[in-house]
């Protein structure tokens, strides 16, 4: 998991860096080459440990490439009010693809593992989007889907205009319902899996679901205060699932 995290951190840092677009795209393309080298038995020295984990857990090359493709979406152009299908593709690449790698490490069977990665990845990413609308707008990004904005009567796709619009609460509430549906399906899948294999997913799900619950209780009317889970609650969640 440390190797998977290190990979994700590296490509995310490239995508969110301050380098020119062309340089960031080249950096992500270089990672495609690094990943290919790992699967060809010619891993660069700094990725030999990752290559060992790829072999040990039968990690799929496409999942690594999907993560890179998701980061590329943020580099090619600032995402602004994507349609629902594009947003779903983005969530699959930047979140569910990471889950597909992780569930192999956890030891889950193929079908429930892929299904869990699908739903929990989307739930977590939509929660991030709903929590970070102001921060994203500050860097010119808007991940709320165009369908939710249209249903709320918002016709402008300018990030700052949307997050200050009086109807943004309605648009966000709609996305929150989608996130909740994915949590419900993820919890149902985990309930059918051996508890020891889903400890980490349960911790992530519970922490982020608490964030979503707090967001829904707070609403998205401006001004918005940052929502966090208190550190004591985080510790309790980790301990409860670790010793259970």
C-alpha atoms as a PDB file:
ATOM      1  CA  UNK A   1       0.000   0.000   0.000  1.00  0.00           C
ATOM      2  CA  UNK A   2       2.931   2.349   0.660  1.00  0.00           C
ATOM      3  CA  UNK A   3       4.135   1.771  -2.901  1.00  0.00           C
ATOM      4  CA  UNK A   4       0.676   2.393  -4.358  1.00  0.00           C
ATOM      5  CA  UNK A   5       0.345   5.550  -2.262  1.00  0.00           C
ATOM      6  CA  UNK A   6       3.781   6.759  -3.360  1.00  0.00           C
ATOM      7  CA  UNK A   7       2.801   6.297  -7.004  1.00  0.00           C
ATOM      8  CA  UNK A   8      -0.478   8.182  -6.516  1.00  0.00           C
ATOM      9  CA  UNK A   9       1.275  10.960  -4.607  1.00  0.00           C
ATOM     10  CA  UNK A  10       3.886  11.355  -7.333  1.00  0.00           C
ATOM     11  CA  UNK A  11       1.443  11.682 -10.231  1.00  0.00           C
ATOM     12  CA  UNK A  12      -0.925  13.876  -8.205  1.00  0.00           C
ATOM     13  CA  UNK A  13       1.929  16.249  -7.374  1.00  0.00           C
ATOM     14  CA  UNK A  14       2.691  16.540 -11.081  1.00  0.00           C
ATOM     15  CA  UNK A  15      -0.940  17.215 -11.999  1.00  0.00           C
ATOM     16  CA  UNK A  16      -1.428  19.853  -9.289  1.00  0.00           C
ATOM     17  CA  UNK A  17       1.996  21.437  -9.646  1.00  0.00           C
ATOM     18  CA  UNK A  18       2.790  24.905 -10.933  1.00  0.00           C
ATOM     19  CA  UNK A  19       4.827  23.809 -13.941  1.00  0.00           C
ATOM     20  CA  UNK A  20       3.604  24.696 -17.458  1.00  0.00           C
ATOM     21  CA  UNK A  21       0.945  22.391 -18.904  1.00  0.00           C
ATOM     22  CA  UNK A  22       3.341  20.850 -21.425  1.00  0.00           C
ATOM     23  CA  UNK A  23       5.846  20.012 -18.705  1.00  0.00           C
ATOM     24  CA  UNK A  24       3.216  18.416 -16.493  1.00  0.00           C
ATOM     25  CA  UNK A  25       1.828  16.368 -19.385  1.00  0.00           C
ATOM     26  CA  UNK A  26       5.360  15.208 -20.178  1.00  0.00           C
ATOM     27  CA  UNK A  27       5.853  14.235 -16.541  1.00  0.00           C
ATOM     28  CA  UNK A  28       2.680  12.147 -16.544  1.00  0.00           C
ATOM     29  CA  UNK A  29       3.662  10.553 -19.850  1.00  0.00           C
ATOM     30  CA  UNK A  30       7.016   9.651 -18.330  1.00  0.00           C
ATOM     31  CA  UNK A  31       5.149   7.794 -15.600  1.00  0.00           C
ATOM     32  CA  UNK A  32       3.327   5.784 -18.259  1.00  0.00           C
ATOM     33  CA  UNK A  33       6.757   4.710 -19.433  1.00  0.00           C
ATOM     34  CA  UNK A  34       7.856   3.883 -15.889  1.00  0.00           C
ATOM     35  CA  UNK A  35       4.777   1.720 -15.347  1.00  0.00           C
ATOM     36  CA  UNK A  36       5.318  -0.074 -18.661  1.00  0.00           C
ATOM     37  CA  UNK A  37       8.925  -0.744 -17.661  1.00  0.00           C
ATOM     38  CA  UNK A  38       7.779  -2.312 -14.380  1.00  0.00           C
ATOM     39  CA  UNK A  39       5.595  -4.746 -16.293  1.00  0.00           C
ATOM     40  CA  UNK A  40       8.327  -5.458 -18.836  1.00  0.00           C
ATOM     41  CA  UNK A  41      10.774  -6.542 -16.149  1.00  0.00           C
ATOM     42  CA  UNK A  42      12.928  -3.434 -16.534  1.00  0.00           C
ATOM     43  CA  UNK A  43      11.774  -1.269 -13.636  1.00  0.00           C
ATOM     44  CA  UNK A  44      13.872   1.838 -12.912  1.00  0.00           C
ATOM     45  CA  UNK A  45      15.901   1.539  -9.715  1.00  0.00           C
ATOM     46  CA  UNK A  46      13.545   3.762  -7.734  1.00  0.00           C
ATOM     47  CA  UNK A  47      10.530   1.622  -8.717  1.00  0.00           C
ATOM     48  CA  UNK A  48      11.913  -1.858  -8.123  1.00  0.00           C
ATOM     49  CA  UNK A  49       9.970  -2.133  -4.872  1.00  0.00           C
ATOM     50  CA  UNK A  50       6.761  -1.188  -6.694  1.00  0.00           C
ATOM     51  CA  UNK A  51       7.537  -3.797  -9.348  1.00  0.00           C
ATOM     52  CA  UNK A  52       7.860  -6.448  -6.631  1.00  0.00           C
ATOM     53  CA  UNK A  53       4.414  -5.516  -5.290  1.00  0.00           C
ATOM     54  CA  UNK A  54       2.954  -5.604  -8.795  1.00  0.00           C
ATOM     55  CA  UNK A  55       4.164  -9.176  -9.133  1.00  0.00           C
ATOM     56  CA  UNK A  56       3.238 -10.240  -5.596  1.00  0.00           C
ATOM     57  CA  UNK A  57      -0.359  -8.969  -5.747  1.00  0.00           C
ATOM     58  CA  UNK A  58      -0.991  -9.283  -9.497  1.00  0.00           C
ATOM     59  CA  UNK A  59      -1.758  -5.582  -9.819  1.00  0.00           C
ATOM     60  CA  UNK A  60      -3.216  -4.607 -13.182  1.00  0.00           C
ATOM     61  CA  UNK A  61      -1.259  -2.251 -15.398  1.00  0.00           C
ATOM     62  CA  UNK A  62      -4.458  -0.637 -16.676  1.00  0.00           C
ATOM     63  CA  UNK A  63      -5.379   0.525 -13.183  1.00  0.00           C
ATOM     64  CA  UNK A  64      -2.101   2.449 -12.875  1.00  0.00           C
ATOM     65  CA  UNK A  65      -2.675   3.934 -16.327  1.00  0.00           C
ATOM     66  CA  UNK A  66      -6.237   4.886 -15.403  1.00  0.00           C
ATOM     67  CA  UNK A  67      -4.923   6.886 -12.440  1.00  0.00           C
ATOM     68  CA  UNK A  68      -2.499   8.713 -14.722  1.00  0.00           C
ATOM     69  CA  UNK A  69      -5.306   9.373 -17.220  1.00  0.00           C
ATOM     70  CA  UNK A  70      -7.398  10.866 -14.423  1.00  0.00           C
ATOM     71  CA  UNK A  71      -4.578  13.209 -13.458  1.00  0.00           C
ATOM     72  CA  UNK A  72      -4.207  14.131 -17.107  1.00  0.00           C
ATOM     73  CA  UNK A  73      -7.827  15.283 -17.178  1.00  0.00           C
ATOM     74  CA  UNK A  74      -6.916  17.936 -14.591  1.00  0.00           C
ATOM     75  CA  UNK A  75      -3.899  19.083 -16.615  1.00  0.00           C
ATOM     76  CA  UNK A  76      -5.331  19.247 -20.133  1.00  0.00           C
ATOM     77  CA  UNK A  77      -7.891  21.838 -19.022  1.00  0.00           C
ATOM     78  CA  UNK A  78      -9.415  23.029 -15.767  1.00  0.00           C
ATOM     79  CA  UNK A  79     -12.535  20.913 -15.310  1.00  0.00           C
ATOM     80  CA  UNK A  80     -15.631  23.093 -15.219  1.00  0.00           C
ATOM     81  CA  UNK A  81     -19.128  21.669 -14.766  1.00  0.00           C
ATOM     82  CA  UNK A  82     -18.504  18.359 -16.573  1.00  0.00           C
ATOM     83  CA  UNK A  83     -21.475  16.323 -17.683  1.00  0.00           C
ATOM     84  CA  UNK A  84     -22.354  13.409 -15.421  1.00  0.00           C
ATOM     85  CA  UNK A  85     -20.677  10.822 -17.651  1.00  0.00           C
ATOM     86  CA  UNK A  86     -17.406  12.755 -17.721  1.00  0.00           C
ATOM     87  CA  UNK A  87     -17.498  13.247 -13.965  1.00  0.00           C
ATOM     88  CA  UNK A  88     -18.092   9.521 -13.483  1.00  0.00           C
ATOM     89  CA  UNK A  89     -15.101   8.735 -15.706  1.00  0.00           C
ATOM     90  CA  UNK A  90     -12.982  11.154 -13.679  1.00  0.00           C
ATOM     91  CA  UNK A  91     -14.071   9.554 -10.392  1.00  0.00           C
ATOM     92  CA  UNK A  92     -13.342   6.104 -11.778  1.00  0.00           C
ATOM     93  CA  UNK A  93      -9.831   7.088 -12.799  1.00  0.00           C
ATOM     94  CA  UNK A  94      -8.674   9.109  -9.805  1.00  0.00           C
ATOM     95  CA  UNK A  95     -10.453   7.108  -7.082  1.00  0.00           C
ATOM     96  CA  UNK A  96     -11.966   3.780  -8.118  1.00  0.00           C
ATOM     97  CA  UNK A  97      -8.816   2.778 -10.022  1.00  0.00           C
ATOM     98  CA  UNK A  98      -6.830   3.259  -6.819  1.00  0.00           C
ATOM     99  CA  UNK A  99      -9.408   1.089  -5.090  1.00  0.00           C
ATOM    100  CA  UNK A 100      -8.981  -1.628  -7.710  1.00  0.00           C
ATOM    101  CA  UNK A 101      -5.284  -1.727  -6.878  1.00  0.00           C
ATOM    102  CA  UNK A 102      -5.931  -1.679  -3.141  1.00  0.00           C
ATOM    103  CA  UNK A 103      -8.504  -4.489  -2.989  1.00  0.00           C
ATOM    104  CA  UNK A 104      -5.968  -6.877  -4.516  1.00  0.00           C
ATOM    105  CA  UNK A 105      -3.582  -6.061  -1.678  1.00  0.00           C
ATOM    106  CA  UNK A 106      -6.379  -6.537   0.863  1.00  0.00           C
ATOM    107  CA  UNK A 107      -7.022  -9.992  -0.591  1.00  0.00           C
ATOM    108  CA  UNK A 108     -10.643  -9.558  -1.653  1.00  0.00           C
ATOM    109  CA  UNK A 109     -12.123 -11.841  -4.270  1.00  0.00           C
ATOM    110  CA  UNK A 110     -12.256 -10.373  -7.760  1.00  0.00           C
ATOM    111  CA  UNK A 111     -15.970  -9.613  -8.183  1.00  0.00           C
ATOM    112  CA  UNK A 112     -16.738  -8.055  -4.781  1.00  0.00           C
ATOM    113  CA  UNK A 113     -13.381  -6.281  -4.800  1.00  0.00           C
ATOM    114  CA  UNK A 114     -14.030  -4.579  -8.128  1.00  0.00           C
ATOM    115  CA  UNK A 115     -17.580  -3.688  -7.088  1.00  0.00           C
ATOM    116  CA  UNK A 116     -16.367  -2.230  -3.806  1.00  0.00           C
ATOM    117  CA  UNK A 117     -13.712  -0.172  -5.578  1.00  0.00           C
ATOM    118  CA  UNK A 118     -16.361   1.110  -7.998  1.00  0.00           C
ATOM    119  CA  UNK A 119     -18.789   2.340  -5.367  1.00  0.00           C
ATOM    120  CA  UNK A 120     -16.477   3.366  -2.538  1.00  0.00           C
ATOM    121  CA  UNK A 121     -14.128   5.201  -4.893  1.00  0.00           C
ATOM    122  CA  UNK A 122     -16.987   7.258  -6.276  1.00  0.00           C
ATOM    123  CA  UNK A 123     -18.417   7.884  -2.807  1.00  0.00           C
ATOM    124  CA  UNK A 124     -15.100   9.185  -1.507  1.00  0.00           C
ATOM    125  CA  UNK A 125     -14.380  11.336  -4.551  1.00  0.00           C
ATOM    126  CA  UNK A 126     -17.837  12.919  -4.608  1.00  0.00           C
ATOM    127  CA  UNK A 127     -17.420  13.688  -0.907  1.00  0.00           C
ATOM    128  CA  UNK A 128     -14.103  15.376  -1.672  1.00  0.00           C
ATOM    129  CA  UNK A 129     -15.745  17.422  -4.410  1.00  0.00           C
ATOM    130  CA  UNK A 130     -18.559  18.550  -2.112  1.00  0.00           C
ATOM    131  CA  UNK A 131     -16.130  19.421   0.689  1.00  0.00           C
ATOM    132  CA  UNK A 132     -13.677  21.294  -1.539  1.00  0.00           C
ATOM    133  CA  UNK A 133     -15.915  23.397  -3.804  1.00  0.00           C
ATOM    134  CA  UNK A 134     -14.429  26.665  -2.566  1.00  0.00           C
ATOM    135  CA  UNK A 135     -10.808  25.504  -2.784  1.00  0.00           C
ATOM    136  CA  UNK A 136     -11.390  24.096  -6.259  1.00  0.00           C
ATOM    137  CA  UNK A 137     -13.089  27.292  -7.421  1.00  0.00           C
ATOM    138  CA  UNK A 138     -10.051  29.204  -6.167  1.00  0.00           C
ATOM    139  CA  UNK A 139      -7.879  27.408  -8.728  1.00  0.00           C
ATOM    140  CA  UNK A 140     -10.454  27.614 -11.521  1.00  0.00           C
ATOM    141  CA  UNK A 141     -11.992  24.161 -11.176  1.00  0.00           C
ATOM    142  CA  UNK A 142     -15.633  23.146 -10.771  1.00  0.00           C
ATOM    143  CA  UNK A 143     -16.478  19.451 -10.495  1.00  0.00           C
ATOM    144  CA  UNK A 144     -20.233  19.786  -9.868  1.00  0.00           C
ATOM    145  CA  UNK A 145     -21.955  18.152 -12.850  1.00  0.00           C
ATOM    146  CA  UNK A 146     -23.742  20.328 -15.382  1.00  0.00           C
ATOM    147  CA  UNK A 147     -26.963  18.347 -14.929  1.00  0.00           C
ATOM    148  CA  UNK A 148     -27.092  19.173 -11.210  1.00  0.00           C
ATOM    149  CA  UNK A 149     -26.405  22.835 -11.925  1.00  0.00           C
ATOM    150  CA  UNK A 150     -29.105  22.984 -14.601  1.00  0.00           C
ATOM    151  CA  UNK A 151     -31.634  21.337 -12.303  1.00  0.00           C
ATOM    152  CA  UNK A 152     -30.851  23.974  -9.696  1.00  0.00           C
ATOM    153  CA  UNK A 153     -31.338  26.760 -12.258  1.00  0.00           C
ATOM    154  CA  UNK A 154     -27.645  27.685 -12.468  1.00  0.00           C
ATOM    155  CA  UNK A 155     -26.647  28.494 -16.040  1.00  0.00           C
ATOM    156  CA  UNK A 156     -23.186  29.962 -15.444  1.00  0.00           C
ATOM    157  CA  UNK A 157     -20.253  27.512 -15.325  1.00  0.00           C
ATOM    158  CA  UNK A 158     -17.767  30.022 -13.903  1.00  0.00           C
ATOM    159  CA  UNK A 159     -16.447  28.378 -10.708  1.00  0.00           C
ATOM    160  CA  UNK A 160     -16.647  31.515  -8.582  1.00  0.00           C
ATOM    161  CA  UNK A 161     -20.089  32.416  -9.907  1.00  0.00           C
ATOM    162  CA  UNK A 162     -21.409  28.928  -9.140  1.00  0.00           C
ATOM    163  CA  UNK A 163     -20.053  28.638  -5.587  1.00  0.00           C
ATOM    164  CA  UNK A 164     -21.516  32.049  -4.721  1.00  0.00           C
ATOM    165  CA  UNK A 165     -24.886  31.333  -6.402  1.00  0.00           C
ATOM    166  CA  UNK A 166     -27.812  31.075  -3.941  1.00  0.00           C
ATOM    167  CA  UNK A 167     -28.940  27.806  -5.570  1.00  0.00           C
ATOM    168  CA  UNK A 168     -25.600  26.022  -5.201  1.00  0.00           C
ATOM    169  CA  UNK A 169     -27.000  24.284  -2.116  1.00  0.00           C
ATOM    170  CA  UNK A 170     -29.598  22.520  -4.270  1.00  0.00           C
ATOM    171  CA  UNK A 171     -26.971  21.394  -6.789  1.00  0.00           C
ATOM    172  CA  UNK A 172     -24.667  20.078  -4.074  1.00  0.00           C
ATOM    173  CA  UNK A 173     -27.518  18.316  -2.288  1.00  0.00           C
ATOM    174  CA  UNK A 174     -28.232  16.407  -5.492  1.00  0.00           C
ATOM    175  CA  UNK A 175     -24.611  15.264  -5.764  1.00  0.00           C
ATOM    176  CA  UNK A 176     -24.685  14.327  -2.071  1.00  0.00           C
ATOM    177  CA  UNK A 177     -27.589  11.958  -2.761  1.00  0.00           C
ATOM    178  CA  UNK A 178     -25.501  10.238  -5.428  1.00  0.00           C
ATOM    179  CA  UNK A 179     -22.595   9.949  -2.991  1.00  0.00           C
ATOM    180  CA  UNK A 180     -24.875   8.467  -0.331  1.00  0.00           C
ATOM    181  CA  UNK A 181     -26.157   5.870  -2.799  1.00  0.00           C
ATOM    182  CA  UNK A 182     -22.579   4.763  -3.472  1.00  0.00           C
ATOM    183  CA  UNK A 183     -21.849   4.548   0.272  1.00  0.00           C
ATOM    184  CA  UNK A 184     -24.955   2.395   0.743  1.00  0.00           C
ATOM    185  CA  UNK A 185     -23.816  -0.023  -1.970  1.00  0.00           C
ATOM    186  CA  UNK A 186     -20.244  -0.072  -0.639  1.00  0.00           C
ATOM    187  CA  UNK A 187     -21.417  -0.872   2.895  1.00  0.00           C
ATOM    188  CA  UNK A 188     -23.638  -3.662   1.546  1.00  0.00           C
ATOM    189  CA  UNK A 189     -20.685  -5.220  -0.282  1.00  0.00           C
ATOM    190  CA  UNK A 190     -18.432  -4.987   2.772  1.00  0.00           C
ATOM    191  CA  UNK A 191     -21.089  -6.628   4.926  1.00  0.00           C
ATOM    192  CA  UNK A 192     -20.753  -9.743   2.748  1.00  0.00           C
ATOM    193  CA  UNK A 193     -16.942  -9.820   2.943  1.00  0.00           C
ATOM    194  CA  UNK A 194     -14.709 -11.233   5.699  1.00  0.00           C
ATOM    195  CA  UNK A 195     -14.258  -8.414   8.218  1.00  0.00           C
ATOM    196  CA  UNK A 196     -10.453  -8.717   8.295  1.00  0.00           C
ATOM    197  CA  UNK A 197     -10.254  -8.049   4.545  1.00  0.00           C
ATOM    198  CA  UNK A 198     -12.277  -4.839   4.613  1.00  0.00           C
ATOM    199  CA  UNK A 199     -10.874  -3.110   7.698  1.00  0.00           C
ATOM    200  CA  UNK A 200      -9.148  -0.382   5.710  1.00  0.00           C
ATOM    201  CA  UNK A 201     -12.106   0.255   3.367  1.00  0.00           C
ATOM    202  CA  UNK A 202     -14.433   0.423   6.380  1.00  0.00           C
ATOM    203  CA  UNK A 203     -12.221   3.010   8.065  1.00  0.00           C
ATOM    204  CA  UNK A 204     -12.097   5.150   4.926  1.00  0.00           C
ATOM    205  CA  UNK A 205     -15.816   4.776   4.356  1.00  0.00           C
ATOM    206  CA  UNK A 206     -16.738   5.726   7.902  1.00  0.00           C
ATOM    207  CA  UNK A 207     -14.450   8.761   8.028  1.00  0.00           C
ATOM    208  CA  UNK A 208     -15.606  10.145   4.698  1.00  0.00           C
ATOM    209  CA  UNK A 209     -19.227   9.281   5.308  1.00  0.00           C
ATOM    210  CA  UNK A 210     -19.081  11.324   8.497  1.00  0.00           C
ATOM    211  CA  UNK A 211     -17.741  14.217   6.433  1.00  0.00           C
ATOM    212  CA  UNK A 212     -20.630  13.833   3.985  1.00  0.00           C
ATOM    213  CA  UNK A 213     -23.145  13.699   6.841  1.00  0.00           C
ATOM    214  CA  UNK A 214     -21.704  16.878   8.344  1.00  0.00           C
ATOM    215  CA  UNK A 215     -21.747  18.591   4.951  1.00  0.00           C
ATOM    216  CA  UNK A 216     -25.397  17.717   4.415  1.00  0.00           C
ATOM    217  CA  UNK A 217     -26.276  18.983   7.887  1.00  0.00           C
ATOM    218  CA  UNK A 218     -24.351  22.220   7.311  1.00  0.00           C
ATOM    219  CA  UNK A 219     -25.550  22.763   3.755  1.00  0.00           C
ATOM    220  CA  UNK A 220     -23.717  24.665   1.032  1.00  0.00           C
ATOM    221  CA  UNK A 221     -25.105  28.167   1.463  1.00  0.00           C
ATOM    222  CA  UNK A 222     -22.334  30.756   1.651  1.00  0.00           C
ATOM    223  CA  UNK A 223     -20.409  31.454   3.778  1.00  0.00           C
ATOM    224  CA  UNK A 224     -19.260  27.885   4.331  1.00  0.00           C
ATOM    225  CA  UNK A 225     -17.043  26.688   7.137  1.00  0.00           C
ATOM    226  CA  UNK A 226     -14.618  23.838   6.484  1.00  0.00           C
ATOM    227  CA  UNK A 227     -15.968  20.475   7.632  1.00  0.00           C
ATOM    228  CA  UNK A 228     -13.658  18.106   9.455  1.00  0.00           C
ATOM    229  CA  UNK A 229     -13.946  14.981  11.571  1.00  0.00           C
ATOM    230  CA  UNK A 230     -12.486  15.665  15.040  1.00  0.00           C
ATOM    231  CA  UNK A 231      -9.184  13.903  15.715  1.00  0.00           C
ATOM    232  CA  UNK A 232     -10.635  12.000  18.668  1.00  0.00           C
ATOM    233  CA  UNK A 233     -13.335  10.541  16.414  1.00  0.00           C
ATOM    234  CA  UNK A 234     -10.738   9.573  13.816  1.00  0.00           C
ATOM    235  CA  UNK A 235      -8.742   7.726  16.450  1.00  0.00           C
ATOM    236  CA  UNK A 236     -11.861   5.966  17.734  1.00  0.00           C
ATOM    237  CA  UNK A 237     -12.838   4.850  14.223  1.00  0.00           C
ATOM    238  CA  UNK A 238      -9.368   3.423  13.569  1.00  0.00           C
ATOM    239  CA  UNK A 239      -9.198   1.643  16.932  1.00  0.00           C
ATOM    240  CA  UNK A 240     -12.707   0.228  16.656  1.00  0.00           C
ATOM    241  CA  UNK A 241     -12.056  -1.356  13.285  1.00  0.00           C
ATOM    242  CA  UNK A 242      -8.532  -2.460  14.140  1.00  0.00           C
ATOM    243  CA  UNK A 243      -9.408  -4.376  17.293  1.00  0.00           C
ATOM    244  CA  UNK A 244     -12.784  -5.669  16.112  1.00  0.00           C
END
